[in-house]
Amino acid sequence: MKRLIAIGDIHGCFYTLESLLEKAKWNPKTDTLVFIGDYIDRGKNSLAVVLALIGMQIKHGKEKVVCLRGNHEQMAINAYRKNETGIWFMNGGQETVQSFSGRTDCFEEAISWFDGLPLYHETENNIFCHAGLSRPKLKENFPAELLWGRNWMEKDSRKREKQVVFGHTPSETGFAYTTLTGDICIDSACVFGGNLCALLIPEHGEKEYVYAPKSSKDSERISAAQPLEYRQRRR
């Protein structure tokens, strides 16, 4: 049975991502993965996460492994291209710099990859983006709102044109939650000690959540001297 598997904010938790894909029983032949952004920062293994995702797209195709841009990828782009390092470092960018330490080739590749990531992915029934929709219709939202928007969550109950699946605003419980608009946030605060969340959307049937608690292995940094291992690691 075909499934779409949407995965929340990873933030450098490479081993947790591996665990989640195993728990979700990801089958690249039948499943489509949609990652909703924030692959880097705060966690210790941003390099491994980025190279794994790039490798998965190379092996299985961008239509089967959809990676969206998050605000943390945007901050890294701005730091690299505009020297706007202050806000990035305030939000966990130092951990990413340390993860990529000594691998400027990989960092430049990552920035180029971030720059090419789409801001949303749309299916018949859902819209996927990093921060959710600040306004009911996708076309009414500015790019910055798709990356950063948050103020709408506490006061807006208007239904969106399709159910939105997003991240960006971490759960206080460690589990996914539904907003006043009926949309679903799958940022379950993995890097803060919560869980990494996968929302399984089958072609027919009910949605299902799968969680992986933050792996103890992600408390240690993977050596930047072994980047190719993680590019090739996913089946």
Protein backbone atom coordinates (compact mmCIF):
# COMPACT_ATOMS: atom_id res chain seq x y z
CA MET A 1 0.00 0.00 0.00
CA LYS A 2 1.33 3.42 -0.94
CA ARG A 3 1.97 5.84 1.92
CA LEU A 4 3.18 9.38 2.39
CA ILE A 5 5.42 9.68 5.45
CA ALA A 6 5.87 13.24 6.77
CA ILE A 7 8.73 13.73 9.22
CA GLY A 8 9.14 16.60 11.66
CA ASP A 9 12.07 18.79 12.64
CA ILE A 10 15.27 16.69 12.89
CA HIS A 11 17.76 19.33 14.10
CA GLY A 12 20.89 17.21 13.71
CA CYS A 13 19.52 14.08 15.40
CA PHE A 14 20.86 11.59 12.87
CA TYR A 15 20.55 8.37 14.85
CA THR A 16 17.02 9.29 15.92
CA LEU A 17 16.09 9.71 12.26
CA GLU A 18 17.46 6.24 11.49
CA SER A 19 15.41 4.80 14.33
CA LEU A 20 12.25 6.56 13.16
CA LEU A 21 12.56 5.30 9.58
CA GLU A 22 12.93 1.77 10.91
CA LYS A 23 9.91 2.13 13.20
CA ALA A 24 7.83 3.54 10.34
CA LYS A 25 8.92 0.58 8.17
CA TRP A 26 9.86 2.94 5.35
CA ASN A 27 9.77 1.20 1.98
CA PRO A 28 11.36 3.39 -0.71
CA LYS A 29 9.61 1.38 -3.44
CA THR A 30 6.11 2.31 -2.28
CA ASP A 31 6.44 5.20 0.20
CA THR A 32 7.01 8.90 -0.37
CA LEU A 33 8.92 10.76 2.33
CA VAL A 34 8.23 14.44 3.00
CA PHE A 35 10.65 16.19 5.36
CA ILE A 36 9.28 19.53 6.54
CA GLY A 37 12.58 21.32 7.22
CA ASP A 38 14.99 22.17 10.05
CA TYR A 39 17.55 19.46 9.42
CA ILE A 40 20.35 21.39 11.11
CA ASP A 41 21.23 23.39 14.26
CA ARG A 42 20.98 22.66 17.99
CA GLY A 43 21.70 18.94 17.61
CA LYS A 44 25.23 17.60 17.17
CA ASN A 45 25.00 15.71 13.87
CA SER A 46 23.75 18.15 11.23
CA LEU A 47 26.41 17.05 8.73
CA ALA A 48 25.32 13.41 8.88
CA VAL A 49 21.64 14.35 8.54
CA VAL A 50 22.23 16.59 5.52
CA LEU A 51 24.42 14.07 3.72
CA ALA A 52 21.97 11.27 4.43
CA LEU A 53 19.06 13.26 2.97
CA ILE A 54 21.06 14.29 -0.09
CA GLY A 55 22.07 10.67 -0.57
CA MET A 56 18.47 9.49 -0.26
CA GLN A 57 17.37 11.96 -2.92
CA ILE A 58 20.17 10.88 -5.24
CA LYS A 59 19.29 7.21 -4.79
CA HIS A 60 15.49 7.36 -4.79
CA GLY A 61 14.67 10.64 -6.53
CA LYS A 62 13.38 13.98 -5.31
CA GLU A 63 9.80 12.96 -6.06
CA LYS A 64 10.11 10.07 -3.58
CA VAL A 65 12.21 11.94 -0.99
CA VAL A 66 10.79 15.46 -0.76
CA CYS A 67 12.84 17.85 1.37
CA LEU A 68 11.40 21.27 2.20
CA ARG A 69 13.30 24.28 3.46
CA GLY A 70 12.96 25.33 7.09
CA ASN A 71 13.84 28.60 8.76
CA HIS A 72 17.08 27.12 10.10
CA GLU A 73 18.24 26.28 6.57
CA GLN A 74 17.32 29.85 5.61
CA MET A 75 19.37 31.23 8.50
CA ALA A 76 22.36 29.18 7.32
CA ILE A 77 21.94 30.51 3.78
CA ASN A 78 21.79 34.09 5.08
CA ALA A 79 24.83 33.55 7.28
CA TYR A 80 26.85 32.18 4.37
CA ARG A 81 25.71 34.57 1.66
CA LYS A 82 25.01 37.76 3.66
CA ASN A 83 27.22 37.25 6.73
CA GLU A 84 24.14 37.31 8.99
CA THR A 85 25.69 35.03 11.58
CA GLY A 86 24.29 36.62 14.75
CA ILE A 87 20.72 35.32 14.60
CA TRP A 88 21.93 31.95 13.30
CA PHE A 89 24.35 31.42 16.17
CA MET A 90 21.66 32.50 18.64
CA ASN A 91 19.50 29.65 17.32
CA GLY A 92 21.93 26.73 17.35
CA GLY A 93 24.09 27.53 14.34
CA GLN A 94 27.28 27.00 16.33
CA GLU A 95 26.48 23.29 16.62
CA THR A 96 26.15 23.08 12.84
CA VAL A 97 29.47 24.84 12.30
CA GLN A 98 31.13 22.39 14.67
CA SER A 99 29.47 19.44 12.92
CA PHE A 100 30.86 20.60 9.55
CA SER A 101 34.24 21.55 11.06
CA GLY A 102 37.03 21.05 8.55
CA ARG A 103 34.64 20.17 5.73
CA THR A 104 34.12 23.42 3.84
CA ASP A 105 33.38 21.38 0.72
CA CYS A 106 30.42 19.74 2.44
CA PHE A 107 29.21 23.05 3.89
CA GLU A 108 29.20 24.73 0.49
CA GLU A 109 27.35 21.75 -0.95
CA ALA A 110 24.82 21.95 1.88
CA ILE A 111 24.18 25.67 1.31
CA SER A 112 23.59 25.07 -2.40
CA TRP A 113 21.22 22.24 -1.52
CA PHE A 114 19.34 24.40 1.03
CA ASP A 115 19.01 27.14 -1.56
CA GLY A 116 17.26 24.79 -3.98
CA LEU A 117 14.76 23.32 -1.52
CA PRO A 118 11.07 24.15 -2.14
CA LEU A 119 9.01 25.94 0.49
CA TYR A 120 5.97 23.68 0.21
CA HIS A 121 4.68 20.39 -1.16
CA GLU A 122 1.05 19.88 -2.13
CA THR A 123 -1.01 16.73 -2.57
CA GLU A 124 -4.69 16.20 -3.28
CA ASN A 125 -5.65 16.54 0.39
CA ASN A 126 -2.71 18.20 2.15
CA ILE A 127 -0.25 21.07 2.05
CA PHE A 128 3.14 20.53 3.67
CA CYS A 129 5.35 23.45 4.67
CA HIS A 130 7.65 24.32 7.52
CA ALA A 131 5.72 26.87 9.60
CA GLY A 132 2.12 26.37 8.47
CA LEU A 133 -0.12 28.82 6.64
CA SER A 134 -0.67 32.21 8.21
CA ARG A 135 -3.65 32.73 5.87
CA PRO A 136 -6.23 30.21 4.61
CA LYS A 137 -5.03 29.97 0.99
CA LEU A 138 -1.51 28.94 0.09
CA LYS A 139 -1.13 31.67 -2.54
CA GLU A 140 -1.96 34.34 0.08
CA ASN A 141 1.14 33.51 2.13
CA PHE A 142 4.53 35.15 1.69
CA PRO A 143 7.66 32.95 1.62
CA ALA A 144 8.75 34.34 4.99
CA GLU A 145 5.45 33.22 6.52
CA LEU A 146 5.91 29.67 5.23
CA LEU A 147 9.29 29.63 6.97
CA TRP A 148 8.70 31.69 10.11
CA GLY A 149 4.98 32.24 10.69
CA ARG A 150 3.72 31.48 14.18
CA ASN A 151 1.44 34.26 15.44
CA TRP A 152 -1.60 32.79 13.71
CA MET A 153 -1.65 29.70 15.91
CA GLU A 154 -3.18 31.15 19.06
CA LYS A 155 -5.96 33.20 17.50
CA ASP A 156 -6.87 31.88 14.05
CA SER A 157 -9.48 29.13 13.68
CA ARG A 158 -10.27 29.61 9.98
CA LYS A 159 -9.99 26.40 7.97
CA ARG A 160 -7.19 26.29 5.43
CA GLU A 161 -7.90 25.29 1.82
CA LYS A 162 -6.39 21.87 2.61
CA GLN A 163 -5.20 20.34 5.86
CA VAL A 164 -1.69 21.62 6.52
CA VAL A 165 1.09 19.48 7.99
CA PHE A 166 3.91 21.57 9.41
CA GLY A 167 6.60 21.85 12.09
CA HIS A 168 8.54 24.85 13.43
CA THR A 169 6.66 25.33 16.73
CA PRO A 170 7.78 22.49 19.00
CA SER A 171 5.27 20.55 21.05
CA GLU A 172 5.34 20.97 24.81
CA THR A 173 4.35 17.33 25.29
CA GLY A 174 6.76 15.58 22.92
CA PHE A 175 3.91 14.54 20.62
CA ALA A 176 2.23 15.97 17.53
CA TYR A 177 -0.73 18.28 18.06
CA THR A 178 -3.67 19.75 16.15
CA THR A 179 -4.21 23.52 15.93
CA LEU A 180 -7.44 25.53 16.10
CA THR A 181 -7.48 25.48 12.29
CA GLY A 182 -7.51 21.67 12.22
CA ASP A 183 -3.95 21.47 10.96
CA ILE A 184 -1.22 19.20 12.32
CA CYS A 185 2.13 20.18 13.79
CA ILE A 186 4.65 17.33 13.75
CA ASP A 187 7.51 19.11 15.52
CA SER A 188 7.51 16.96 18.65
CA ALA A 189 10.60 18.62 20.17
CA CYS A 190 13.12 15.86 19.43
CA VAL A 191 16.24 17.98 19.92
CA PHE A 192 14.89 19.23 23.26
CA GLY A 193 14.53 15.68 24.58
CA GLY A 194 11.13 14.85 23.09
CA ASN A 195 10.44 12.63 20.09
CA LEU A 196 10.96 12.68 16.36
CA CYS A 197 7.57 12.29 14.71
CA ALA A 198 6.44 10.61 11.51
CA LEU A 199 2.90 11.11 10.29
CA LEU A 200 1.87 8.16 8.11
CA ILE A 201 -0.76 9.01 5.51
CA PRO A 202 -1.88 5.91 3.62
CA GLU A 203 -3.48 6.04 0.20
CA HIS A 204 -6.59 4.59 1.84
CA GLY A 205 -7.33 4.52 5.56
CA GLU A 206 -6.57 6.48 8.71
CA LYS A 207 -3.51 8.56 9.50
CA GLU A 208 -1.09 7.15 12.06
CA TYR A 209 1.69 8.65 14.17
CA VAL A 210 5.01 6.94 14.82
CA TYR A 211 7.55 8.35 17.29
CA ALA A 212 11.20 7.76 18.06
CA PRO A 213 12.59 9.19 21.30
CA LYS A 214 15.82 11.14 20.97
CA SER A 215 18.64 8.61 20.69
CA SER A 216 21.39 8.69 23.31
CA LYS A 217 23.84 8.36 20.39
CA ASP A 218 22.88 11.86 19.29
CA SER A 219 24.52 13.29 22.39
CA GLU A 220 27.89 12.59 20.70
CA ARG A 221 29.15 14.25 17.53
CA ILE A 222 29.98 12.06 14.53
CA SER A 223 33.42 12.77 13.10
CA ALA A 224 33.32 15.06 10.07
CA ALA A 225 36.08 12.92 8.57
CA GLN A 226 33.53 10.24 7.56
CA PRO A 227 30.95 12.10 5.44
CA LEU A 228 30.49 9.57 2.64
CA GLU A 229 29.39 6.86 5.07
CA TYR A 230 26.24 8.83 5.83
CA ARG A 231 25.56 9.73 2.22
CA GLN A 232 25.44 6.02 1.36
CA ARG A 233 23.90 4.69 4.56
CA ARG A 234 20.20 4.77 3.70
CA ARG A 235 18.94 1.81 1.72
